[in-house]
Amino acid sequence: MRKKLLLTFTLFLVLLGSVFAQERTITGRVTSAEDGTPMPGVNIIVAGTTNVGTISDVYGRYSIKVPAGNNVLEFSFVGMKTQSVEIGASDVVDAVMETSAEMIGGY
């Protein structure tokens, strides 16, 4: 009887742990398409959310916790095209930012 109770309790803890482990940490690096240099200060958000985001550090690196069910990261920076990158199965997602050719004010 004690073994059954212990086994049931252990199984319960394992299942409970998997319920709370519904987010994963994604890391990566953001670089410029022009010369491959790291880009600090790039905004990275989980697409479809308004409060899950981070910015890249001085070396262009970032780390973000992505909730389950979200599969796209959006990278944005002033003067650059916004990039939407699908996460897929990897825990490392790098982004290459391209210069935006749009002119402000029509000049």
Protein backbone atom coordinates (compact mmCIF):
# COMPACT_ATOMS: atom_id res chain seq x y z
CA MET A 1 0.00 0.00 0.00
CA ARG A 2 2.82 2.39 0.87
CA LYS A 3 4.59 1.68 -2.41
CA LYS A 4 1.43 2.47 -4.38
CA LEU A 5 0.98 5.73 -2.53
CA LEU A 6 4.61 6.72 -3.07
CA LEU A 7 4.43 5.80 -6.75
CA THR A 8 1.20 7.78 -7.21
CA PHE A 9 2.68 10.81 -5.43
CA THR A 10 5.86 10.66 -7.55
CA LEU A 11 3.83 10.43 -10.76
CA PHE A 12 1.75 13.40 -9.63
CA LEU A 13 4.90 15.50 -9.06
CA VAL A 14 6.30 14.61 -12.48
CA LEU A 15 3.05 15.58 -14.20
CA LEU A 16 2.79 18.78 -12.17
CA GLY A 17 6.34 19.72 -13.15
CA SER A 18 5.58 19.28 -16.83
CA VAL A 19 2.54 21.56 -16.55
CA PHE A 20 4.65 24.40 -15.14
CA ALA A 21 7.46 23.86 -17.65
CA GLN A 22 5.45 25.34 -20.47
CA GLU A 23 7.89 28.10 -21.35
CA ARG A 24 11.35 27.85 -22.81
CA THR A 25 14.32 30.15 -22.99
CA ILE A 26 15.45 31.27 -26.43
CA THR A 27 18.85 32.88 -26.92
CA GLY A 28 20.56 34.31 -29.96
CA ARG A 29 22.46 37.13 -31.56
CA VAL A 30 21.35 40.07 -33.70
CA THR A 31 23.68 41.34 -36.42
CA SER A 32 23.63 43.86 -39.24
CA ALA A 33 23.17 42.58 -42.79
CA GLU A 34 25.53 45.26 -44.12
CA ASP A 35 28.69 44.30 -42.26
CA GLY A 36 27.80 41.52 -39.79
CA THR A 37 28.49 43.65 -36.72
CA PRO A 38 26.49 43.00 -33.54
CA MET A 39 23.47 45.25 -32.99
CA PRO A 40 22.88 46.46 -29.41
CA GLY A 41 19.47 47.82 -28.36
CA VAL A 42 17.34 45.79 -30.77
CA ASN A 43 13.80 45.23 -29.46
CA ILE A 44 12.80 41.56 -29.35
CA ILE A 45 9.21 40.63 -28.53
CA VAL A 46 7.16 37.46 -28.68
CA ALA A 47 4.70 38.00 -31.54
CA GLY A 48 1.11 38.34 -30.36
CA THR A 49 2.08 39.58 -26.89
CA THR A 50 2.54 43.05 -25.48
CA ASN A 51 4.48 42.29 -22.34
CA VAL A 52 7.00 39.58 -23.24
CA GLY A 53 10.15 41.15 -24.61
CA THR A 54 13.78 42.09 -24.16
CA ILE A 55 16.57 44.03 -25.90
CA SER A 56 19.91 42.90 -27.25
CA ASP A 57 23.05 43.70 -25.27
CA VAL A 58 26.20 45.50 -26.46
CA TYR A 59 27.31 42.29 -28.23
CA GLY A 60 23.94 41.80 -29.96
CA ARG A 61 23.07 38.86 -27.69
CA TYR A 62 19.69 38.32 -26.08
CA SER A 63 17.76 35.84 -23.97
CA ILE A 64 13.97 35.66 -23.71
CA LYS A 65 11.50 33.31 -22.02
CA VAL A 66 8.86 32.32 -24.58
CA PRO A 67 5.46 31.08 -23.32
CA ALA A 68 4.12 27.81 -24.74
CA GLY A 69 2.14 28.18 -27.93
CA ASN A 70 4.17 31.15 -29.19
CA ASN A 71 6.45 30.41 -32.12
CA VAL A 72 7.49 33.77 -33.58
CA LEU A 73 9.90 36.46 -32.39
CA GLU A 74 9.80 39.99 -33.80
CA PHE A 75 13.02 42.02 -34.00
CA SER A 76 12.79 45.80 -34.51
CA PHE A 77 15.18 48.74 -34.50
CA VAL A 78 14.90 52.32 -35.75
CA GLY A 79 16.00 52.57 -39.39
CA MET A 80 15.87 48.79 -39.88
CA LYS A 81 13.21 46.48 -41.32
CA THR A 82 11.24 44.56 -38.69
CA GLN A 83 12.12 40.87 -38.84
CA SER A 84 9.69 38.09 -37.87
CA VAL A 85 11.53 34.85 -37.20
CA GLU A 86 9.89 31.50 -36.47
CA ILE A 87 11.41 29.76 -33.46
CA GLY A 88 10.92 26.15 -34.54
CA ALA A 89 12.54 23.40 -32.47
CA SER A 90 15.80 25.24 -31.81
CA ASP A 91 16.58 27.14 -28.62
CA VAL A 92 18.93 29.45 -30.53
CA VAL A 93 17.47 32.02 -32.93
CA ASP A 94 19.76 34.52 -34.64
CA ALA A 95 18.49 37.51 -36.62
CA VAL A 96 20.05 39.63 -39.35
CA MET A 97 18.68 43.16 -39.54
CA GLU A 98 18.43 44.89 -42.92
CA THR A 99 18.41 48.64 -43.45
CA SER A 100 15.03 50.14 -44.24
CA ALA A 101 14.97 52.05 -47.52
CA GLU A 102 11.98 54.16 -46.48
CA MET A 103 12.57 57.88 -46.17
CA ILE A 104 10.91 59.96 -43.50
CA GLY A 105 9.04 63.05 -44.62
CA GLY A 106 9.32 62.23 -48.33
CA TYR A 107 12.82 63.68 -48.82
